[in-house]
């Protein structure tokens, strides 16, 4: 099993309950494909480096998990079509 980190940027135009629902769906996807969540780091609302879809702020959330090598592709294909997710990135963390 490899260590991964999923970064999700959620639209700032949504309510707190909707943002929590998006993060819960991401966590459910990880668990559905056999991943084990180790940490969830919610940064809250932050300023974007550049304007995305006419927004200057968004909610940032980082989910660290352990999973097999096929899991990130499955997760990305489903996060890509989620409503209110404006950016996402799943990366493998190196063993240091």
PDB file of N, CA and C in Angstrom:
ATOM      1  N   UNK A   1       0.850  -1.182   0.000  1.00  0.00           N
ATOM      2  CA  UNK A   1       0.000   0.000   0.000  1.00  0.00           C
ATOM      3  C   UNK A   1       0.897   1.247   0.000  1.00  0.00           C
ATOM      4  N   UNK A   2       0.493   2.218  -0.795  1.00  0.00           N
ATOM      5  CA  UNK A   2       1.221   3.476  -0.911  1.00  0.00           C
ATOM      6  C   UNK A   2       0.487   4.568  -0.149  1.00  0.00           C
ATOM      7  N   UNK A   3       1.222   5.626   0.185  1.00  0.00           N
ATOM      8  CA  UNK A   3       0.633   6.780   0.867  1.00  0.00           C
ATOM      9  C   UNK A   3       0.314   7.843  -0.180  1.00  0.00           C
ATOM     10  N   UNK A   4      -0.899   8.401  -0.108  1.00  0.00           N
ATOM     11  CA  UNK A   4      -1.342   9.417  -1.054  1.00  0.00           C
ATOM     12  C   UNK A   4      -1.941  10.599  -0.311  1.00  0.00           C
ATOM     13  N   UNK A   5      -2.030  11.729  -1.027  1.00  0.00           N
ATOM     14  CA  UNK A   5      -2.698  12.904  -0.499  1.00  0.00           C
ATOM     15  C   UNK A   5      -3.610  13.449  -1.596  1.00  0.00           C
ATOM     16  N   UNK A   6      -4.874  13.627  -1.257  1.00  0.00           N
ATOM     17  CA  UNK A   6      -5.855  14.199  -2.176  1.00  0.00           C
ATOM     18  C   UNK A   6      -6.153  15.627  -1.724  1.00  0.00           C
ATOM     19  N   UNK A   7      -5.841  16.587  -2.587  1.00  0.00           N
ATOM     20  CA  UNK A   7      -6.154  17.988  -2.314  1.00  0.00           C
ATOM     21  C   UNK A   7      -7.420  18.339  -3.084  1.00  0.00           C
ATOM     22  N   UNK A   8      -8.394  18.886  -2.371  1.00  0.00           N
ATOM     23  CA  UNK A   8      -9.672  19.246  -2.991  1.00  0.00           C
ATOM     24  C   UNK A   8      -9.929  20.727  -2.725  1.00  0.00           C
ATOM     25  N   UNK A   9     -10.233  21.470  -3.783  1.00  0.00           N
ATOM     26  CA  UNK A   9     -10.569  22.887  -3.668  1.00  0.00           C
ATOM     27  C   UNK A   9     -12.053  23.021  -4.003  1.00  0.00           C
ATOM     28  N   UNK A  10     -12.829  23.438  -3.006  1.00  0.00           N
ATOM     29  CA  UNK A  10     -14.290  23.515  -3.135  1.00  0.00           C
ATOM     30  C   UNK A  10     -14.708  24.976  -3.296  1.00  0.00           C
ATOM     31  N   UNK A  11     -15.676  25.205  -4.137  1.00  0.00           N
ATOM     32  CA  UNK A  11     -16.190  26.549  -4.408  1.00  0.00           C
ATOM     33  C   UNK A  11     -16.574  27.274  -3.117  1.00  0.00           C
ATOM     34  N   UNK A  12     -16.234  28.548  -3.042  1.00  0.00           N
ATOM     35  CA  UNK A  12     -16.573  29.361  -1.874  1.00  0.00           C
ATOM     36  C   UNK A  12     -18.026  29.817  -1.908  1.00  0.00           C
ATOM     37  N   UNK A  13     -18.717  29.566  -3.012  1.00  0.00           N
ATOM     38  CA  UNK A  13     -20.110  29.992  -3.152  1.00  0.00           C
ATOM     39  C   UNK A  13     -21.089  29.052  -2.458  1.00  0.00           C
ATOM     40  N   UNK A  14     -20.611  27.927  -1.924  1.00  0.00           N
ATOM     41  CA  UNK A  14     -21.506  26.952  -1.296  1.00  0.00           C
ATOM     42  C   UNK A  14     -21.571  27.177   0.209  1.00  0.00           C
ATOM     43  N   UNK A  15     -22.631  26.666   0.814  1.00  0.00           N
ATOM     44  CA  UNK A  15     -22.798  26.743   2.263  1.00  0.00           C
ATOM     45  C   UNK A  15     -21.887  25.723   2.951  1.00  0.00           C
ATOM     46  N   UNK A  16     -21.720  25.874   4.241  1.00  0.00           N
ATOM     47  CA  UNK A  16     -20.851  24.985   5.017  1.00  0.00           C
ATOM     48  C   UNK A  16     -21.309  23.528   4.941  1.00  0.00           C
ATOM     49  N   UNK A  17     -22.625  23.302   4.942  1.00  0.00           N
ATOM     50  CA  UNK A  17     -23.143  21.927   4.880  1.00  0.00           C
ATOM     51  C   UNK A  17     -22.816  21.278   3.535  1.00  0.00           C
ATOM     52  N   UNK A  18     -22.911  22.062   2.456  1.00  0.00           N
ATOM     53  CA  UNK A  18     -22.602  21.533   1.131  1.00  0.00           C
ATOM     54  C   UNK A  18     -21.119  21.209   1.007  1.00  0.00           C
ATOM     55  N   UNK A  19     -20.268  22.067   1.578  1.00  0.00           N
ATOM     56  CA  UNK A  19     -18.822  21.828   1.559  1.00  0.00           C
ATOM     57  C   UNK A  19     -18.500  20.551   2.318  1.00  0.00           C
ATOM     58  N   UNK A  20     -19.108  20.374   3.478  1.00  0.00           N
ATOM     59  CA  UNK A  20     -18.890  19.162   4.271  1.00  0.00           C
ATOM     60  C   UNK A  20     -19.365  17.924   3.517  1.00  0.00           C
ATOM     61  N   UNK A  21     -20.465  18.044   2.776  1.00  0.00           N
ATOM     62  CA  UNK A  21     -20.982  16.918   1.998  1.00  0.00           C
ATOM     63  C   UNK A  21     -20.007  16.524   0.890  1.00  0.00           C
ATOM     64  N   UNK A  22     -19.383  17.511   0.239  1.00  0.00           N
ATOM     65  CA  UNK A  22     -18.406  17.217  -0.818  1.00  0.00           C
ATOM     66  C   UNK A  22     -17.207  16.479  -0.230  1.00  0.00           C
ATOM     67  N   UNK A  23     -16.712  16.939   0.918  1.00  0.00           N
ATOM     68  CA  UNK A  23     -15.570  16.297   1.564  1.00  0.00           C
ATOM     69  C   UNK A  23     -15.940  14.881   2.012  1.00  0.00           C
ATOM     70  N   UNK A  24     -17.157  14.710   2.534  1.00  0.00           N
ATOM     71  CA  UNK A  24     -17.611  13.373   2.942  1.00  0.00           C
ATOM     72  C   UNK A  24     -17.698  12.427   1.744  1.00  0.00           C
ATOM     73  N   UNK A  25     -18.144  12.942   0.591  1.00  0.00           N
ATOM     74  CA  UNK A  25     -18.196  12.107  -0.614  1.00  0.00           C
ATOM     75  C   UNK A  25     -16.797  11.689  -1.055  1.00  0.00           C
ATOM     76  N   UNK A  26     -15.838  12.592  -0.938  1.00  0.00           N
ATOM     77  CA  UNK A  26     -14.449  12.249  -1.291  1.00  0.00           C
ATOM     78  C   UNK A  26     -13.914  11.171  -0.358  1.00  0.00           C
ATOM     79  N   UNK A  27     -14.181  11.305   0.941  1.00  0.00           N
ATOM     80  CA  UNK A  27     -13.732  10.290   1.908  1.00  0.00           C
ATOM     81  C   UNK A  27     -14.416   8.953   1.640  1.00  0.00           C
ATOM     82  N   UNK A  28     -15.692   8.983   1.286  1.00  0.00           N
ATOM     83  CA  UNK A  28     -16.418   7.744   0.990  1.00  0.00           C
ATOM     84  C   UNK A  28     -15.848   7.060  -0.246  1.00  0.00           C
ATOM     85  N   UNK A  29     -15.443   7.840  -1.253  1.00  0.00           N
ATOM     86  CA  UNK A  29     -14.833   7.268  -2.447  1.00  0.00           C
ATOM     87  C   UNK A  29     -13.538   6.538  -2.111  1.00  0.00           C
ATOM     88  N   UNK A  30     -12.722   7.160  -1.278  1.00  0.00           N
ATOM     89  CA  UNK A  30     -11.449   6.545  -0.883  1.00  0.00           C
ATOM     90  C   UNK A  30     -11.711   5.216  -0.192  1.00  0.00           C
ATOM     91  N   UNK A  31     -12.650   5.207   0.743  1.00  0.00           N
ATOM     92  CA  UNK A  31     -12.953   3.973   1.485  1.00  0.00           C
ATOM     93  C   UNK A  31     -13.616   2.934   0.592  1.00  0.00           C
ATOM     94  N   UNK A  32     -14.416   3.379  -0.371  1.00  0.00           N
ATOM     95  CA  UNK A  32     -15.102   2.454  -1.275  1.00  0.00           C
ATOM     96  C   UNK A  32     -14.111   1.637  -2.114  1.00  0.00           C
ATOM     97  N   UNK A  33     -12.991   2.256  -2.486  1.00  0.00           N
ATOM     98  CA  UNK A  33     -11.994   1.558  -3.300  1.00  0.00           C
ATOM     99  C   UNK A  33     -10.883   0.928  -2.464  1.00  0.00           C
ATOM    100  N   UNK A  34     -11.111   0.789  -1.161  1.00  0.00           N
ATOM    101  CA  UNK A  34     -10.169   0.068  -0.315  1.00  0.00           C
ATOM    102  C   UNK A  34      -9.092   0.914   0.327  1.00  0.00           C
ATOM    103  N   UNK A  35      -9.205   2.217   0.240  1.00  0.00           N
ATOM    104  CA  UNK A  35      -8.226   3.092   0.880  1.00  0.00           C
ATOM    105  C   UNK A  35      -8.520   3.267   2.362  1.00  0.00           C
ATOM    106  N   UNK A  36      -7.477   3.593   3.126  1.00  0.00           N
ATOM    107  CA  UNK A  36      -7.615   3.829   4.565  1.00  0.00           C
ATOM    108  C   UNK A  36      -7.202   5.271   4.834  1.00  0.00           C
ATOM    109  N   UNK A  37      -8.146   6.081   5.287  1.00  0.00           N
ATOM    110  CA  UNK A  37      -7.875   7.493   5.554  1.00  0.00           C
ATOM    111  C   UNK A  37      -7.061   7.612   6.830  1.00  0.00           C
ATOM    112  N   UNK A  38      -5.938   8.351   6.752  1.00  0.00           N
ATOM    113  CA  UNK A  38      -5.080   8.525   7.919  1.00  0.00           C
ATOM    114  C   UNK A  38      -5.209   9.911   8.533  1.00  0.00           C
ATOM    115  N   UNK A  39      -5.534  10.916   7.712  1.00  0.00           N
ATOM    116  CA  UNK A  39      -5.638  12.278   8.232  1.00  0.00           C
ATOM    117  C   UNK A  39      -6.469  13.141   7.297  1.00  0.00           C
ATOM    118  N   UNK A  40      -7.262  14.047   7.869  1.00  0.00           N
ATOM    119  CA  UNK A  40      -8.021  15.028   7.090  1.00  0.00           C
ATOM    120  C   UNK A  40      -7.643  16.402   7.626  1.00  0.00           C
ATOM    121  N   UNK A  41      -7.107  17.247   6.745  1.00  0.00           N
ATOM    122  CA  UNK A  41      -6.637  18.575   7.122  1.00  0.00           C
ATOM    123  C   UNK A  41      -7.479  19.610   6.391  1.00  0.00           C
ATOM    124  N   UNK A  42      -8.407  20.246   7.099  1.00  0.00           N
ATOM    125  CA  UNK A  42      -9.298  21.244   6.509  1.00  0.00           C
ATOM    126  C   UNK A  42      -8.711  22.631   6.754  1.00  0.00           C
ATOM    127  N   UNK A  43      -8.278  23.292   5.693  1.00  0.00           N
ATOM    128  CA  UNK A  43      -7.662  24.612   5.815  1.00  0.00           C
ATOM    129  C   UNK A  43      -8.689  25.729   5.841  1.00  0.00           C
ATOM    130  N   UNK A  44      -9.916  25.451   5.483  1.00  0.00           N
ATOM    131  CA  UNK A  44     -10.935  26.484   5.453  1.00  0.00           C
ATOM    132  C   UNK A  44     -10.838  27.337   4.195  1.00  0.00           C
ATOM    133  N   UNK A  45     -11.400  28.550   4.261  1.00  0.00           N
ATOM    134  CA  UNK A  45     -11.438  29.429   3.090  1.00  0.00           C
ATOM    135  C   UNK A  45     -10.109  30.172   2.964  1.00  0.00           C
ATOM    136  N   UNK A  46      -9.526  30.092   1.759  1.00  0.00           N
ATOM    137  CA  UNK A  46      -8.257  30.761   1.467  1.00  0.00           C
ATOM    138  C   UNK A  46      -8.361  31.488   0.135  1.00  0.00           C
ATOM    139  N   UNK A  47      -7.473  32.449  -0.043  1.00  0.00           N
ATOM    140  CA  UNK A  47      -7.406  33.180  -1.305  1.00  0.00           C
ATOM    141  C   UNK A  47      -6.726  32.304  -2.350  1.00  0.00           C
ATOM    142  N   UNK A  48      -7.284  32.293  -3.558  1.00  0.00           N
ATOM    143  CA  UNK A  48      -6.693  31.542  -4.661  1.00  0.00           C
ATOM    144  C   UNK A  48      -5.518  32.318  -5.255  1.00  0.00           C
ATOM    145  N   UNK A  49      -4.566  31.610  -5.831  1.00  0.00           N
ATOM    146  CA  UNK A  49      -3.410  32.253  -6.456  1.00  0.00           C
ATOM    147  C   UNK A  49      -3.831  33.051  -7.688  1.00  0.00           C
ATOM    148  N   UNK A  50      -4.861  32.569  -8.374  1.00  0.00           N
ATOM    149  CA  UNK A  50      -5.405  33.276  -9.525  1.00  0.00           C
ATOM    150  C   UNK A  50      -6.899  32.985  -9.589  1.00  0.00           C
ATOM    151  N   UNK A  51      -7.619  33.821 -10.290  1.00  0.00           N
ATOM    152  CA  UNK A  51      -9.066  33.696 -10.358  1.00  0.00           C
ATOM    153  C   UNK A  51      -9.471  32.434 -11.130  1.00  0.00           C
ATOM    154  N   UNK A  52     -10.368  31.661 -10.546  1.00  0.00           N
ATOM    155  CA  UNK A  52     -10.864  30.433 -11.162  1.00  0.00           C
ATOM    156  C   UNK A  52     -12.391  30.521 -11.181  1.00  0.00           C
ATOM    157  N   UNK A  53     -12.977  30.428 -12.350  1.00  0.00           N
ATOM    158  CA  UNK A  53     -14.428  30.499 -12.518  1.00  0.00           C
ATOM    159  C   UNK A  53     -15.011  31.743 -11.826  1.00  0.00           C
ATOM    160  N   UNK A  54     -14.336  32.865 -11.980  1.00  0.00           N
ATOM    161  CA  UNK A  54     -14.749  34.156 -11.421  1.00  0.00           C
ATOM    162  C   UNK A  54     -14.759  34.162  -9.896  1.00  0.00           C
ATOM    163  N   UNK A  55     -13.952  33.310  -9.271  1.00  0.00           N
ATOM    164  CA  UNK A  55     -13.845  33.274  -7.808  1.00  0.00           C
ATOM    165  C   UNK A  55     -12.423  33.604  -7.395  1.00  0.00           C
ATOM    166  N   UNK A  56     -12.304  34.337  -6.299  1.00  0.00           N
ATOM    167  CA  UNK A  56     -10.988  34.689  -5.780  1.00  0.00           C
ATOM    168  C   UNK A  56     -10.658  33.928  -4.500  1.00  0.00           C
ATOM    169  N   UNK A  57     -11.654  33.245  -3.930  1.00  0.00           N
ATOM    170  CA  UNK A  57     -11.459  32.455  -2.713  1.00  0.00           C
ATOM    171  C   UNK A  57     -12.115  31.090  -2.882  1.00  0.00           C
ATOM    172  N   UNK A  58     -11.612  30.119  -2.100  1.00  0.00           N
ATOM    173  CA  UNK A  58     -12.195  28.776  -2.127  1.00  0.00           C
ATOM    174  C   UNK A  58     -11.814  28.053  -0.838  1.00  0.00           C
ATOM    175  N   UNK A  59     -12.486  26.931  -0.581  1.00  0.00           N
ATOM    176  CA  UNK A  59     -12.192  26.100   0.583  1.00  0.00           C
ATOM    177  C   UNK A  59     -11.171  25.030   0.183  1.00  0.00           C
ATOM    178  N   UNK A  60     -10.149  24.867   1.009  1.00  0.00           N
ATOM    179  CA  UNK A  60      -9.111  23.868   0.757  1.00  0.00           C
ATOM    180  C   UNK A  60      -9.240  22.738   1.773  1.00  0.00           C
ATOM    181  N   UNK A  61      -9.099  21.498   1.296  1.00  0.00           N
ATOM    182  CA  UNK A  61      -9.112  20.337   2.180  1.00  0.00           C
ATOM    183  C   UNK A  61      -8.108  19.310   1.646  1.00  0.00           C
ATOM    184  N   UNK A  62      -7.305  18.746   2.547  1.00  0.00           N
ATOM    185  CA  UNK A  62      -6.305  17.742   2.187  1.00  0.00           C
ATOM    186  C   UNK A  62      -6.631  16.447   2.917  1.00  0.00           C
ATOM    187  N   UNK A  63      -6.747  15.359   2.171  1.00  0.00           N
ATOM    188  CA  UNK A  63      -7.069  14.054   2.741  1.00  0.00           C
ATOM    189  C   UNK A  63      -5.894  13.121   2.470  1.00  0.00           C
ATOM    190  N   UNK A  64      -5.251  12.645   3.534  1.00  0.00           N
ATOM    191  CA  UNK A  64      -4.142  11.698   3.387  1.00  0.00           C
ATOM    192  C   UNK A  64      -4.683  10.288   3.610  1.00  0.00           C
ATOM    193  N   UNK A  65      -4.231   9.361   2.755  1.00  0.00           N
ATOM    194  CA  UNK A  65      -4.733   7.998   2.855  1.00  0.00           C
ATOM    195  C   UNK A  65      -3.719   6.995   2.324  1.00  0.00           C
ATOM    196  N   UNK A  66      -3.899   5.741   2.719  1.00  0.00           N
ATOM    197  CA  UNK A  66      -3.096   4.624   2.227  1.00  0.00           C
ATOM    198  C   UNK A  66      -3.980   3.809   1.296  1.00  0.00           C
ATOM    199  N   UNK A  67      -3.421   3.420   0.134  1.00  0.00           N
ATOM    200  CA  UNK A  67      -4.211   2.654  -0.828  1.00  0.00           C
ATOM    201  C   UNK A  67      -3.293   1.972  -1.838  1.00  0.00           C
ATOM    202  N   UNK A  68      -3.902   1.088  -2.612  1.00  0.00           N
ATOM    203  CA  UNK A  68      -3.189   0.428  -3.704  1.00  0.00           C
ATOM    204  C   UNK A  68      -2.970   1.423  -4.846  1.00  0.00           C
ATOM    205  N   UNK A  69      -2.100   1.098  -5.773  1.00  0.00           N
ATOM    206  CA  UNK A  69      -1.712   2.033  -6.833  1.00  0.00           C
ATOM    207  C   UNK A  69      -2.830   2.349  -7.832  1.00  0.00           C
ATOM    208  N   UNK A  70      -3.870   1.528  -7.901  1.00  0.00           N
ATOM    209  CA  UNK A  70      -4.957   1.774  -8.853  1.00  0.00           C
ATOM    210  C   UNK A  70      -6.016   2.738  -8.308  1.00  0.00           C
ATOM    211  N   UNK A  71      -6.020   2.955  -7.020  1.00  0.00           N
ATOM    212  CA  UNK A  71      -7.071   3.747  -6.373  1.00  0.00           C
ATOM    213  C   UNK A  71      -7.072   5.221  -6.792  1.00  0.00           C
ATOM    214  N   UNK A  72      -5.931   5.924  -6.869  1.00  0.00           N
ATOM    215  CA  UNK A  72      -5.981   7.347  -7.241  1.00  0.00           C
ATOM    216  C   UNK A  72      -6.649   7.621  -8.583  1.00  0.00           C
ATOM    217  N   UNK A  73      -6.433   6.789  -9.564  1.00  0.00           N
ATOM    218  CA  UNK A  73      -7.072   6.993 -10.864  1.00  0.00           C
ATOM    219  C   UNK A  73      -8.591   6.873 -10.755  1.00  0.00           C
ATOM    220  N   UNK A  74      -9.065   5.903  -9.976  1.00  0.00           N
ATOM    221  CA  UNK A  74     -10.507   5.732  -9.767  1.00  0.00           C
ATOM    222  C   UNK A  74     -11.103   6.951  -9.056  1.00  0.00           C
ATOM    223  N   UNK A  75     -10.396   7.438  -8.040  1.00  0.00           N
ATOM    224  CA  UNK A  75     -10.885   8.586  -7.271  1.00  0.00           C
ATOM    225  C   UNK A  75     -10.922   9.834  -8.158  1.00  0.00           C
ATOM    226  N   UNK A  76      -9.833  10.085  -8.894  1.00  0.00           N
ATOM    227  CA  UNK A  76      -9.779  11.270  -9.754  1.00  0.00           C
ATOM    228  C   UNK A  76     -10.873  11.274 -10.813  1.00  0.00           C
ATOM    229  N   UNK A  77     -11.180  10.112 -11.372  1.00  0.00           N
ATOM    230  CA  UNK A  77     -12.211  10.068 -12.408  1.00  0.00           C
ATOM    231  C   UNK A  77     -13.586  10.433 -11.853  1.00  0.00           C
ATOM    232  N   UNK A  78     -13.803  10.205 -10.571  1.00  0.00           N
ATOM    233  CA  UNK A  78     -15.093  10.544  -9.959  1.00  0.00           C
ATOM    234  C   UNK A  78     -15.115  11.952  -9.364  1.00  0.00           C
ATOM    235  N   UNK A  79     -13.990  12.403  -8.803  1.00  0.00           N
ATOM    236  CA  UNK A  79     -13.920  13.762  -8.261  1.00  0.00           C
ATOM    237  C   UNK A  79     -14.014  14.783  -9.392  1.00  0.00           C
ATOM    238  N   UNK A  80     -13.499  14.433 -10.567  1.00  0.00           N
ATOM    239  CA  UNK A  80     -13.503  15.321 -11.728  1.00  0.00           C
ATOM    240  C   UNK A  80     -14.912  15.806 -12.067  1.00  0.00           C
ATOM    241  N   UNK A  81     -15.928  14.979 -11.854  1.00  0.00           N
ATOM    242  CA  UNK A  81     -17.293  15.350 -12.246  1.00  0.00           C
ATOM    243  C   UNK A  81     -18.163  15.803 -11.071  1.00  0.00           C
ATOM    244  N   UNK A  82     -17.568  15.936  -9.890  1.00  0.00           N
ATOM    245  CA  UNK A  82     -18.339  16.382  -8.720  1.00  0.00           C
ATOM    246  C   UNK A  82     -18.696  17.859  -8.847  1.00  0.00           C
ATOM    247  N   UNK A  83     -19.920  18.165  -8.443  1.00  0.00           N
ATOM    248  CA  UNK A  83     -20.336  19.559  -8.396  1.00  0.00           C
ATOM    249  C   UNK A  83     -19.587  20.257  -7.270  1.00  0.00           C
ATOM    250  N   UNK A  84     -19.304  21.531  -7.455  1.00  0.00           N
ATOM    251  CA  UNK A  84     -18.665  22.402  -6.475  1.00  0.00           C
ATOM    252  C   UNK A  84     -17.177  22.142  -6.254  1.00  0.00           C
ATOM    253  N   UNK A  85     -16.581  21.154  -6.903  1.00  0.00           N
ATOM    254  CA  UNK A  85     -15.130  20.964  -6.830  1.00  0.00           C
ATOM    255  C   UNK A  85     -14.535  21.708  -8.016  1.00  0.00           C
ATOM    256  N   UNK A  86     -13.724  22.743  -7.709  1.00  0.00           N
ATOM    257  CA  UNK A  86     -13.175  23.530  -8.813  1.00  0.00           C
ATOM    258  C   UNK A  86     -11.766  23.069  -9.195  1.00  0.00           C
ATOM    259  N   UNK A  87     -11.027  22.463  -8.267  1.00  0.00           N
ATOM    260  CA  UNK A  87      -9.718  21.887  -8.554  1.00  0.00           C
ATOM    261  C   UNK A  87      -9.491  20.700  -7.613  1.00  0.00           C
ATOM    262  N   UNK A  88      -8.648  19.760  -8.056  1.00  0.00           N
ATOM    263  CA  UNK A  88      -8.279  18.621  -7.232  1.00  0.00           C
ATOM    264  C   UNK A  88      -6.914  18.128  -7.684  1.00  0.00           C
ATOM    265  N   UNK A  89      -6.232  17.424  -6.807  1.00  0.00           N
ATOM    266  CA  UNK A  89      -4.943  16.834  -7.160  1.00  0.00           C
ATOM    267  C   UNK A  89      -4.663  15.682  -6.198  1.00  0.00           C
ATOM    268  N   UNK A  90      -4.315  14.553  -6.752  1.00  0.00           N
ATOM    269  CA  UNK A  90      -3.975  13.390  -5.938  1.00  0.00           C
ATOM    270  C   UNK A  90      -2.513  13.038  -6.234  1.00  0.00           C
ATOM    271  N   UNK A  91      -1.692  13.063  -5.194  1.00  0.00           N
ATOM    272  CA  UNK A  91      -0.263  12.782  -5.356  1.00  0.00           C
ATOM    273  C   UNK A  91       0.183  11.693  -4.397  1.00  0.00           C
ATOM    274  N   UNK A  92       1.215  10.964  -4.812  1.00  0.00           N
ATOM    275  CA  UNK A  92       1.807   9.942  -3.957  1.00  0.00           C
ATOM    276  C   UNK A  92       2.864  10.606  -3.088  1.00  0.00           C
ATOM    277  N   UNK A  93       2.859  10.275  -1.812  1.00  0.00           N
ATOM    278  CA  UNK A  93       3.849  10.810  -0.890  1.00  0.00           C
ATOM    279  C   UNK A  93       5.026   9.841  -0.805  1.00  0.00           C
ATOM    280  N   UNK A  94       6.230  10.376  -0.919  1.00  0.00           N
ATOM    281  CA  UNK A  94       7.430   9.552  -0.839  1.00  0.00           C
ATOM    282  C   UNK A  94       7.715   9.151   0.603  1.00  0.00           C
ATOM    283  N   UNK A  95       8.301   8.000   0.763  1.00  0.00           N
ATOM    284  CA  UNK A  95       8.726   7.544   2.080  1.00  0.00           C
ATOM    285  C   UNK A  95      10.029   8.268   2.404  1.00  0.00           C
ATOM    286  N   UNK A  96      10.042   9.012   3.484  1.00  0.00           N
ATOM    287  CA  UNK A  96      11.263   9.750   3.835  1.00  0.00           C
ATOM    288  C   UNK A  96      11.931   9.175   5.065  1.00  0.00           C
TER     289      UNK A  96
END
